[in-house]
Amino acid sequence: MMKASLDRLAQVEDIEIEWKSFELRPLNAAPMPPAQEQAYKQRIAAAWPRTRKTAQENFGVEMIHHRWGVKSRLAHEGAKFAEEKGRGDAYHDRMFKAHFIDDLDFGDLDTLADLAAEIGLDRAEFVAALENHTYAAAVDNDVAQAQAYGIQGVPGTIIANKYMVSGAQPFEALEDIVRQVKEHEAANK
């Protein structure tokens, strides 16, 4: 949802969008106790109809599925590979579609490799980079930066490297925030 607003904002404002990694369910995280996990799943399920409706009505984004428990670490490493190859936007779009439309597990290396090949990345090179964890340090740096900003969920947007906007925001709200930041930055020069 946020991507749709940011893409539209980039058409009217001189901004640079840089995607950063954030793992909702890190690979090394201790599992939740069963009762806590069940309660969490119930909250997600209860909010899902509203999330889908908001995505469609406010952002024009279709969201059909929400696969539970996908480990996104490899997908984040794959994003760094795709960005380095100039295919970052296509990769991010395809991962969104894979998760919310096609109900694919992008935590699976073979699935990820197929998706990467779909958008024009060399499958073998992609797999080698993920198997060798070539981009692990870059993902770790992103996660550390998110922690430093106090980000605990997605989406979290940082503007001018110091202003955090939490949650999906419609284009008009982002446009207003960017205007306010520019005015504040200009007044403090």
C-alpha atoms as a PDB file:
ATOM      1  CA  MET A   1       0.000   0.000   0.000  1.00  0.00           C
ATOM      2  CA  MET A   2       2.723   2.426   0.995  1.00  0.00           C
ATOM      3  CA  LYS A   3       4.601   1.722  -2.221  1.00  0.00           C
ATOM      4  CA  ALA A   4       1.641   2.972  -4.277  1.00  0.00           C
ATOM      5  CA  SER A   5       1.629   6.262  -2.358  1.00  0.00           C
ATOM      6  CA  LEU A   6       5.409   6.633  -2.532  1.00  0.00           C
ATOM      7  CA  ASP A   7       5.478   5.880  -6.266  1.00  0.00           C
ATOM      8  CA  ARG A   8       2.876   8.572  -6.838  1.00  0.00           C
ATOM      9  CA  LEU A   9       4.752  10.999  -4.583  1.00  0.00           C
ATOM     10  CA  ALA A  10       7.968  10.448  -6.548  1.00  0.00           C
ATOM     11  CA  GLN A  11       6.129  11.656  -9.663  1.00  0.00           C
ATOM     12  CA  VAL A  12       5.430  15.068  -8.139  1.00  0.00           C
ATOM     13  CA  GLU A  13       8.260  15.587  -5.636  1.00  0.00           C
ATOM     14  CA  ASP A  14      12.006  15.430  -6.038  1.00  0.00           C
ATOM     15  CA  ILE A  15      12.514  12.502  -3.679  1.00  0.00           C
ATOM     16  CA  GLU A  16      14.630   9.392  -3.646  1.00  0.00           C
ATOM     17  CA  ILE A  17      12.973   6.203  -2.431  1.00  0.00           C
ATOM     18  CA  GLU A  18      15.304   3.685  -0.882  1.00  0.00           C
ATOM     19  CA  TRP A  19      13.817   0.393   0.300  1.00  0.00           C
ATOM     20  CA  LYS A  20      15.261  -1.108   3.459  1.00  0.00           C
ATOM     21  CA  SER A  21      14.953  -4.583   4.913  1.00  0.00           C
ATOM     22  CA  PHE A  22      12.819  -5.310   7.968  1.00  0.00           C
ATOM     23  CA  GLU A  23      12.008  -8.809   9.156  1.00  0.00           C
ATOM     24  CA  LEU A  24       8.651  -9.179  10.849  1.00  0.00           C
ATOM     25  CA  ARG A  25       9.537 -12.759  11.751  1.00  0.00           C
ATOM     26  CA  PRO A  26      13.348 -13.033  11.903  1.00  0.00           C
ATOM     27  CA  LEU A  27      14.835 -16.466  11.307  1.00  0.00           C
ATOM     28  CA  ASN A  28      16.682 -16.439  14.627  1.00  0.00           C
ATOM     29  CA  ALA A  29      13.744 -15.223  16.717  1.00  0.00           C
ATOM     30  CA  ALA A  30      12.490 -17.511  19.440  1.00  0.00           C
ATOM     31  CA  PRO A  31       9.090 -18.987  18.615  1.00  0.00           C
ATOM     32  CA  MET A  32       6.108 -17.422  20.303  1.00  0.00           C
ATOM     33  CA  PRO A  33       4.410 -19.454  22.997  1.00  0.00           C
ATOM     34  CA  PRO A  34       1.418 -21.233  21.393  1.00  0.00           C
ATOM     35  CA  ALA A  35      -1.227 -19.137  23.162  1.00  0.00           C
ATOM     36  CA  GLN A  36       0.515 -15.881  22.193  1.00  0.00           C
ATOM     37  CA  GLU A  37       0.914 -17.025  18.582  1.00  0.00           C
ATOM     38  CA  GLN A  38      -2.756 -18.009  18.402  1.00  0.00           C
ATOM     39  CA  ALA A  39      -3.844 -14.626  19.788  1.00  0.00           C
ATOM     40  CA  TYR A  40      -1.578 -12.850  17.298  1.00  0.00           C
ATOM     41  CA  LYS A  41      -2.989 -14.859  14.389  1.00  0.00           C
ATOM     42  CA  GLN A  42      -6.514 -14.040  15.537  1.00  0.00           C
ATOM     43  CA  ARG A  43      -5.718 -10.285  15.631  1.00  0.00           C
ATOM     44  CA  ILE A  44      -4.266 -10.484  12.109  1.00  0.00           C
ATOM     45  CA  ALA A  45      -7.282 -12.459  10.850  1.00  0.00           C
ATOM     46  CA  ALA A  46      -9.713 -10.028  12.474  1.00  0.00           C
ATOM     47  CA  ALA A  47      -7.956  -7.031  10.888  1.00  0.00           C
ATOM     48  CA  TRP A  48      -7.531  -8.649   7.452  1.00  0.00           C
ATOM     49  CA  PRO A  49     -10.936  -7.624   5.959  1.00  0.00           C
ATOM     50  CA  ARG A  50     -10.334  -3.991   6.983  1.00  0.00           C
ATOM     51  CA  THR A  51      -6.762  -4.120   5.652  1.00  0.00           C
ATOM     52  CA  ARG A  52      -7.965  -5.447   2.283  1.00  0.00           C
ATOM     53  CA  LYS A  53     -10.705  -2.834   2.071  1.00  0.00           C
ATOM     54  CA  THR A  54      -8.333   0.016   2.974  1.00  0.00           C
ATOM     55  CA  ALA A  55      -5.764  -1.207   0.450  1.00  0.00           C
ATOM     56  CA  GLN A  56      -8.356  -1.271  -2.331  1.00  0.00           C
ATOM     57  CA  GLU A  57     -10.275   1.899  -1.495  1.00  0.00           C
ATOM     58  CA  ASN A  58      -7.429   4.182  -0.421  1.00  0.00           C
ATOM     59  CA  PHE A  59      -4.521   2.880  -2.466  1.00  0.00           C
ATOM     60  CA  GLY A  60      -6.043   0.975  -5.394  1.00  0.00           C
ATOM     61  CA  VAL A  61      -4.089  -2.098  -4.301  1.00  0.00           C
ATOM     62  CA  GLU A  62      -5.536  -5.595  -4.465  1.00  0.00           C
ATOM     63  CA  MET A  63      -4.665  -7.919  -1.588  1.00  0.00           C
ATOM     64  CA  ILE A  64      -6.207 -11.390  -1.733  1.00  0.00           C
ATOM     65  CA  HIS A  65      -4.039 -13.613   0.463  1.00  0.00           C
ATOM     66  CA  HIS A  66      -1.977 -13.234   3.586  1.00  0.00           C
ATOM     67  CA  ARG A  67       0.237 -16.268   4.087  1.00  0.00           C
ATOM     68  CA  TRP A  68       1.117 -16.709   7.755  1.00  0.00           C
ATOM     69  CA  GLY A  69       4.666 -17.111   9.015  1.00  0.00           C
ATOM     70  CA  VAL A  70       6.705 -16.488   5.866  1.00  0.00           C
ATOM     71  CA  LYS A  71      10.362 -16.008   6.703  1.00  0.00           C
ATOM     72  CA  SER A  72      11.456 -13.066   4.571  1.00  0.00           C
ATOM     73  CA  ARG A  73      15.218 -13.077   5.157  1.00  0.00           C
ATOM     74  CA  LEU A  74      16.144 -14.608   1.780  1.00  0.00           C
ATOM     75  CA  ALA A  75      13.697 -12.305   0.012  1.00  0.00           C
ATOM     76  CA  HIS A  76      15.440  -9.310   1.596  1.00  0.00           C
ATOM     77  CA  GLU A  77      18.826 -10.593   0.492  1.00  0.00           C
ATOM     78  CA  GLY A  78      17.337 -11.130  -2.973  1.00  0.00           C
ATOM     79  CA  ALA A  79      16.114  -7.533  -2.978  1.00  0.00           C
ATOM     80  CA  LYS A  80      19.663  -6.298  -2.471  1.00  0.00           C
ATOM     81  CA  PHE A  81      20.789  -8.452  -5.408  1.00  0.00           C
ATOM     82  CA  ALA A  82      17.940  -7.151  -7.594  1.00  0.00           C
ATOM     83  CA  GLU A  83      18.661  -3.539  -6.643  1.00  0.00           C
ATOM     84  CA  GLU A  84      22.332  -3.969  -7.520  1.00  0.00           C
ATOM     85  CA  LYS A  85      21.269  -5.326 -10.925  1.00  0.00           C
ATOM     86  CA  GLY A  86      18.896  -2.393 -11.547  1.00  0.00           C
ATOM     87  CA  ARG A  87      15.753  -4.499 -11.064  1.00  0.00           C
ATOM     88  CA  GLY A  88      14.803  -3.420  -7.551  1.00  0.00           C
ATOM     89  CA  ASP A  89      11.413  -1.918  -8.382  1.00  0.00           C
ATOM     90  CA  ALA A  90      10.399  -4.928 -10.464  1.00  0.00           C
ATOM     91  CA  TYR A  91      11.547  -7.250  -7.671  1.00  0.00           C
ATOM     92  CA  HIS A  92       9.593  -5.419  -4.959  1.00  0.00           C
ATOM     93  CA  ASP A  93       6.470  -5.370  -7.134  1.00  0.00           C
ATOM     94  CA  ARG A  94       6.794  -9.079  -7.854  1.00  0.00           C
ATOM     95  CA  MET A  95       7.296  -9.992  -4.195  1.00  0.00           C
ATOM     96  CA  PHE A  96       4.160  -8.049  -3.222  1.00  0.00           C
ATOM     97  CA  LYS A  97       2.181  -9.871  -5.918  1.00  0.00           C
ATOM     98  CA  ALA A  98       3.708 -13.212  -4.931  1.00  0.00           C
ATOM     99  CA  HIS A  99       2.632 -12.758  -1.330  1.00  0.00           C
ATOM    100  CA  PHE A 100      -0.711 -10.980  -1.534  1.00  0.00           C
ATOM    101  CA  ILE A 101      -2.076 -12.093  -4.916  1.00  0.00           C
ATOM    102  CA  ASP A 102      -0.462 -15.414  -5.837  1.00  0.00           C
ATOM    103  CA  ASP A 103      -0.137 -16.802  -2.280  1.00  0.00           C
ATOM    104  CA  LEU A 104       3.445 -17.963  -2.851  1.00  0.00           C
ATOM    105  CA  ASP A 105       6.000 -18.626  -0.131  1.00  0.00           C
ATOM    106  CA  PHE A 106       8.841 -16.244  -0.948  1.00  0.00           C
ATOM    107  CA  GLY A 107      10.725 -17.678   2.007  1.00  0.00           C
ATOM    108  CA  ASP A 108      11.464 -20.688  -0.210  1.00  0.00           C
ATOM    109  CA  LEU A 109      14.660 -20.398  -2.278  1.00  0.00           C
ATOM    110  CA  ASP A 110      13.280 -22.171  -5.357  1.00  0.00           C
ATOM    111  CA  THR A 111      10.180 -19.986  -5.379  1.00  0.00           C
ATOM    112  CA  LEU A 112      12.313 -16.870  -4.985  1.00  0.00           C
ATOM    113  CA  ALA A 113      14.628 -17.957  -7.799  1.00  0.00           C
ATOM    114  CA  ASP A 114      11.659 -18.548 -10.117  1.00  0.00           C
ATOM    115  CA  LEU A 115      10.281 -15.096  -9.293  1.00  0.00           C
ATOM    116  CA  ALA A 116      13.692 -13.495  -9.840  1.00  0.00           C
ATOM    117  CA  ALA A 117      13.976 -15.165 -13.246  1.00  0.00           C
ATOM    118  CA  GLU A 118      10.470 -13.909 -14.124  1.00  0.00           C
ATOM    119  CA  ILE A 119      11.654 -10.315 -13.787  1.00  0.00           C
ATOM    120  CA  GLY A 120      14.786 -10.863 -15.838  1.00  0.00           C
ATOM    121  CA  LEU A 121      17.404 -11.723 -13.223  1.00  0.00           C
ATOM    122  CA  ASP A 122      19.841 -14.546 -13.884  1.00  0.00           C
ATOM    123  CA  ARG A 123      18.450 -17.453 -11.857  1.00  0.00           C
ATOM    124  CA  ALA A 124      21.789 -19.198 -11.224  1.00  0.00           C
ATOM    125  CA  GLU A 125      23.522 -15.978 -10.207  1.00  0.00           C
ATOM    126  CA  PHE A 126      20.607 -15.093  -7.929  1.00  0.00           C
ATOM    127  CA  VAL A 127      20.657 -18.511  -6.234  1.00  0.00           C
ATOM    128  CA  ALA A 128      24.433 -18.360  -5.756  1.00  0.00           C
ATOM    129  CA  ALA A 129      24.185 -14.924  -4.126  1.00  0.00           C
ATOM    130  CA  LEU A 130      21.507 -16.150  -1.724  1.00  0.00           C
ATOM    131  CA  GLU A 131      23.236 -19.433  -0.926  1.00  0.00           C
ATOM    132  CA  ASN A 132      26.467 -17.530  -0.229  1.00  0.00           C
ATOM    133  CA  HIS A 133      24.583 -14.846   1.730  1.00  0.00           C
ATOM    134  CA  THR A 134      26.388 -12.205  -0.304  1.00  0.00           C
ATOM    135  CA  TYR A 135      23.968  -9.526   0.855  1.00  0.00           C
ATOM    136  CA  ALA A 136      23.496 -10.672   4.465  1.00  0.00           C
ATOM    137  CA  ALA A 137      25.566  -7.806   5.887  1.00  0.00           C
ATOM    138  CA  ALA A 138      23.525  -5.251   3.931  1.00  0.00           C
ATOM    139  CA  VAL A 139      20.300  -6.725   5.317  1.00  0.00           C
ATOM    140  CA  ASP A 140      21.781  -6.777   8.836  1.00  0.00           C
ATOM    141  CA  ASN A 141      22.675  -3.088   8.450  1.00  0.00           C
ATOM    142  CA  ASP A 142      19.116  -2.260   7.400  1.00  0.00           C
ATOM    143  CA  VAL A 143      17.677  -4.150  10.363  1.00  0.00           C
ATOM    144  CA  ALA A 144      20.063  -2.374  12.751  1.00  0.00           C
ATOM    145  CA  GLN A 145      19.082   0.981  11.248  1.00  0.00           C
ATOM    146  CA  ALA A 146      15.387   0.166  11.686  1.00  0.00           C
ATOM    147  CA  GLN A 147      16.032  -0.724  15.319  1.00  0.00           C
ATOM    148  CA  ALA A 148      17.914   2.544  15.814  1.00  0.00           C
ATOM    149  CA  TYR A 149      14.907   4.437  14.444  1.00  0.00           C
ATOM    150  CA  GLY A 150      12.599   2.476  16.742  1.00  0.00           C
ATOM    151  CA  ILE A 151      10.711   0.825  13.904  1.00  0.00           C
ATOM    152  CA  GLN A 152       8.753  -2.169  15.155  1.00  0.00           C
ATOM    153  CA  GLY A 153       6.462  -2.891  12.221  1.00  0.00           C
ATOM    154  CA  VAL A 154       5.826  -2.183   8.588  1.00  0.00           C
ATOM    155  CA  PRO A 155       5.466   0.065   6.822  1.00  0.00           C
ATOM    156  CA  GLY A 156       7.749   2.563   8.462  1.00  0.00           C
ATOM    157  CA  THR A 157       8.933   5.480   6.372  1.00  0.00           C
ATOM    158  CA  ILE A 158      11.856   7.729   7.232  1.00  0.00           C
ATOM    159  CA  ILE A 159      11.890  11.164   5.621  1.00  0.00           C
ATOM    160  CA  ALA A 160      15.068  13.244   5.418  1.00  0.00           C
ATOM    161  CA  ASN A 161      16.845  10.603   7.510  1.00  0.00           C
ATOM    162  CA  LYS A 162      15.158  11.798  10.701  1.00  0.00           C
ATOM    163  CA  TYR A 163      11.341  11.944  10.517  1.00  0.00           C
ATOM    164  CA  MET A 164       9.464   8.682  10.900  1.00  0.00           C
ATOM    165  CA  VAL A 165       6.001   8.071   9.507  1.00  0.00           C
ATOM    166  CA  SER A 166       4.396   4.907  10.818  1.00  0.00           C
ATOM    167  CA  GLY A 167       1.801   2.913   8.921  1.00  0.00           C
ATOM    168  CA  ALA A 168       0.507   3.067   5.376  1.00  0.00           C
ATOM    169  CA  GLN A 169      -0.326   6.630   4.421  1.00  0.00           C
ATOM    170  CA  PRO A 170      -2.346   7.872   1.465  1.00  0.00           C
ATOM    171  CA  PHE A 171      -0.589  10.001  -1.143  1.00  0.00           C
ATOM    172  CA  GLU A 172      -2.156  13.247   0.117  1.00  0.00           C
ATOM    173  CA  ALA A 173      -0.860  12.690   3.647  1.00  0.00           C
ATOM    174  CA  LEU A 174       2.657  11.913   2.409  1.00  0.00           C
ATOM    175  CA  GLU A 175       2.615  14.932   0.136  1.00  0.00           C
ATOM    176  CA  ASP A 176       1.659  17.122   3.099  1.00  0.00           C
ATOM    177  CA  ILE A 177       4.341  15.556   5.325  1.00  0.00           C
ATOM    178  CA  VAL A 178       7.050  16.097   2.696  1.00  0.00           C
ATOM    179  CA  ARG A 179       5.940  19.720   2.272  1.00  0.00           C
ATOM    180  CA  GLN A 180       6.104  20.284   6.041  1.00  0.00           C
ATOM    181  CA  VAL A 181       9.546  18.670   6.258  1.00  0.00           C
ATOM    182  CA  LYS A 182      10.848  20.836   3.413  1.00  0.00           C
ATOM    183  CA  GLU A 183       9.466  23.966   5.078  1.00  0.00           C
ATOM    184  CA  HIS A 184      10.973  22.963   8.434  1.00  0.00           C
ATOM    185  CA  GLU A 185      14.346  22.147   6.873  1.00  0.00           C
ATOM    186  CA  ALA A 186      14.380  25.469   4.961  1.00  0.00           C
ATOM    187  CA  ALA A 187      13.475  27.450   8.081  1.00  0.00           C
ATOM    188  CA  ASN A 188      16.310  25.810  10.048  1.00  0.00           C
ATOM    189  CA  LYS A 189      19.101  26.461   7.538  1.00  0.00           C
END
